[in-house]
Amino acid sequence: MSSGFASSADPVIFGMHLYQFQVPHTMVDDREDVYSKAVRAGKRTYFFDVKSTRGRDLYLTITESKKHTHEDGTATYDKHKIFLYKEDFDKFIDGLHDAIEEIDRLRAKGEYGKSEETPGTPPRNDATPFTDVNFEDLDRKDI
């Protein structure tokens, strides 16, 4: 299965969703952030960042950030990051696609629930489907 990373105009398919990576044709300097997309999902936010190396190769970082609010009102973020390099794009997409297909197969057989809730998480209140997320650290390069 081809991942679609051969060209910036090619779509990448994750399960049933189609995502388009938008990579500009000109890069201002020899190393930069090329594209960034934040996806809010309840208490978690996923960041998909396309970056270029000094050698002008592209790579992807995927960051999961989960907000924890403490009793005193302060908040901290747990972050987990994956670096995905060009030589691994196709294998990563193949593995992700296979895993999503298996999830769909198991759900269709009724072996597992179709709920999109995280196990152990109370059901969402429809009046407030999103958690406030503070994005003040988006411009930080040390994360």
Protein backbone atom coordinates (compact mmCIF):
# COMPACT_ATOMS: atom_id res chain seq x y z
CA MET A 1 0.00 0.00 0.00
CA SER A 2 1.41 3.41 -0.89
CA SER A 3 1.21 6.06 1.81
CA GLY A 4 0.89 9.04 -0.48
CA PHE A 5 4.00 10.73 0.86
CA ALA A 6 5.74 10.74 -2.51
CA SER A 7 4.27 14.13 -3.37
CA SER A 8 2.85 16.95 -1.27
CA ALA A 9 -0.30 16.81 -3.42
CA ASP A 10 -0.99 13.13 -2.67
CA PRO A 11 -3.59 12.39 0.06
CA VAL A 12 -2.80 10.18 3.04
CA ILE A 13 -5.56 7.89 4.26
CA PHE A 14 -5.99 7.02 7.95
CA GLY A 15 -8.91 4.60 8.33
CA MET A 16 -11.95 6.26 6.81
CA HIS A 17 -10.58 9.81 7.09
CA LEU A 18 -8.64 11.57 4.35
CA TYR A 19 -5.92 13.99 5.36
CA GLN A 20 -4.01 16.25 3.01
CA PHE A 21 -0.50 17.30 3.96
CA GLN A 22 0.16 20.78 2.63
CA VAL A 23 3.86 21.27 2.02
CA PRO A 24 4.92 24.61 0.54
CA HIS A 25 7.12 24.40 -2.53
CA THR A 26 9.59 27.00 -1.27
CA MET A 27 11.34 26.90 2.07
CA VAL A 28 12.57 30.16 3.51
CA ASP A 29 15.63 28.81 5.31
CA ASP A 30 17.54 25.54 5.54
CA ARG A 31 15.64 24.22 8.59
CA GLU A 32 12.08 25.01 9.57
CA ASP A 33 8.61 24.03 10.62
CA VAL A 34 6.76 23.39 7.37
CA TYR A 35 3.21 22.52 8.46
CA SER A 36 1.33 22.11 11.71
CA LYS A 37 -2.12 20.79 12.53
CA ALA A 38 -3.67 20.60 16.01
CA VAL A 39 -6.53 18.14 16.55
CA ARG A 40 -8.55 18.61 19.74
CA ALA A 41 -10.04 15.41 21.13
CA GLY A 42 -11.60 15.89 24.56
CA LYS A 43 -8.85 16.28 27.16
CA ARG A 44 -6.21 15.42 24.58
CA THR A 45 -4.77 17.42 21.73
CA TYR A 46 -2.78 15.81 18.95
CA PHE A 47 -0.23 17.86 17.04
CA PHE A 48 0.94 16.79 13.59
CA ASP A 49 4.05 18.80 12.67
CA VAL A 50 5.90 18.46 9.38
CA LYS A 51 9.44 19.75 9.68
CA SER A 52 12.48 19.91 7.47
CA THR A 53 16.04 18.99 8.31
CA ARG A 54 19.04 21.11 7.35
CA GLY A 55 19.41 18.73 4.40
CA ARG A 56 15.83 19.64 3.36
CA ASP A 57 14.39 16.18 4.11
CA LEU A 58 10.92 16.17 5.62
CA TYR A 59 9.91 14.34 8.78
CA LEU A 60 6.81 14.22 10.93
CA THR A 61 6.36 14.60 14.65
CA ILE A 62 3.14 13.45 16.27
CA THR A 63 2.58 14.79 19.78
CA GLU A 64 -0.16 13.79 22.18
CA SER A 65 -0.76 16.42 24.86
CA LYS A 66 -3.11 15.76 27.78
CA LYS A 67 -4.09 18.52 30.17
CA HIS A 68 -4.25 17.84 33.90
CA THR A 69 -5.89 20.49 36.09
CA HIS A 70 -4.84 20.44 39.73
CA GLU A 71 -6.98 21.31 42.74
CA ASP A 72 -5.28 24.72 43.06
CA GLY A 73 -6.35 25.59 39.49
CA THR A 74 -2.94 25.19 37.89
CA ALA A 75 -2.54 22.96 34.89
CA THR A 76 0.20 20.71 33.60
CA TYR A 77 0.47 18.83 30.32
CA ASP A 78 1.65 15.26 29.78
CA LYS A 79 3.25 15.01 26.36
CA HIS A 80 4.28 12.03 24.29
CA LYS A 81 6.04 12.51 20.99
CA ILE A 82 6.79 10.26 18.02
CA PHE A 83 9.35 11.21 15.37
CA LEU A 84 8.58 9.65 12.01
CA TYR A 85 11.29 9.82 9.36
CA LYS A 86 10.83 9.58 5.59
CA GLU A 87 12.24 6.06 5.32
CA ASP A 88 9.51 4.85 7.72
CA PHE A 89 6.46 6.70 6.30
CA ASP A 90 5.13 3.80 4.20
CA LYS A 91 5.63 1.14 6.90
CA PHE A 92 4.03 3.37 9.54
CA ILE A 93 0.99 4.08 7.36
CA ASP A 94 0.64 0.38 6.51
CA GLY A 95 0.77 -0.59 10.19
CA LEU A 96 -1.69 2.13 11.21
CA HIS A 97 -4.07 1.20 8.40
CA ASP A 98 -3.91 -2.51 9.38
CA ALA A 99 -4.58 -1.69 13.04
CA ILE A 100 -7.58 0.52 12.19
CA GLU A 101 -8.98 -2.16 9.88
CA GLU A 102 -8.68 -4.71 12.72
CA ILE A 103 -10.49 -2.35 15.12
CA ASP A 104 -13.28 -1.90 12.55
CA ARG A 105 -13.48 -5.70 12.03
CA LEU A 106 -13.70 -6.44 15.77
CA ARG A 107 -16.34 -3.77 16.32
CA ALA A 108 -18.39 -5.04 13.37
CA LYS A 109 -18.36 -8.57 14.86
CA GLY A 110 -19.69 -7.10 18.12
CA GLU A 111 -16.68 -8.29 20.10
CA TYR A 112 -15.95 -4.74 21.24
CA GLY A 113 -18.09 -1.65 21.74
CA LYS A 114 -18.57 0.98 19.10
CA SER A 115 -18.35 3.80 21.63
CA GLU A 116 -15.70 6.42 21.01
CA GLU A 117 -15.32 7.00 24.75
CA THR A 118 -11.99 6.25 26.37
CA PRO A 119 -12.24 3.27 28.76
CA GLY A 120 -12.63 4.43 32.35
CA THR A 121 -13.76 7.90 31.29
CA PRO A 122 -17.24 9.05 32.29
CA PRO A 123 -19.60 9.77 29.35
CA ARG A 124 -19.31 13.25 27.88
CA ASN A 125 -21.94 15.86 28.63
CA ASP A 126 -23.34 16.92 25.24
CA ALA A 127 -23.66 20.52 26.47
CA THR A 128 -19.87 20.77 26.83
CA PRO A 129 -18.26 18.37 24.32
CA PHE A 130 -14.80 20.00 24.42
CA THR A 131 -12.37 20.70 27.20
CA ASP A 132 -10.69 24.09 27.32
CA VAL A 133 -7.14 23.67 26.05
CA ASN A 134 -4.45 26.26 26.61
CA PHE A 135 -2.28 26.55 23.53
CA GLU A 136 0.27 28.98 25.02
CA ASP A 137 3.05 26.43 24.55
CA LEU A 138 2.48 25.99 20.79
CA ASP A 139 5.34 28.32 19.89
CA ARG A 140 7.78 26.71 22.30
CA LYS A 141 10.60 24.85 20.56
CA ASP A 142 11.81 22.97 23.67
CA ILE A 143 8.82 20.65 23.86
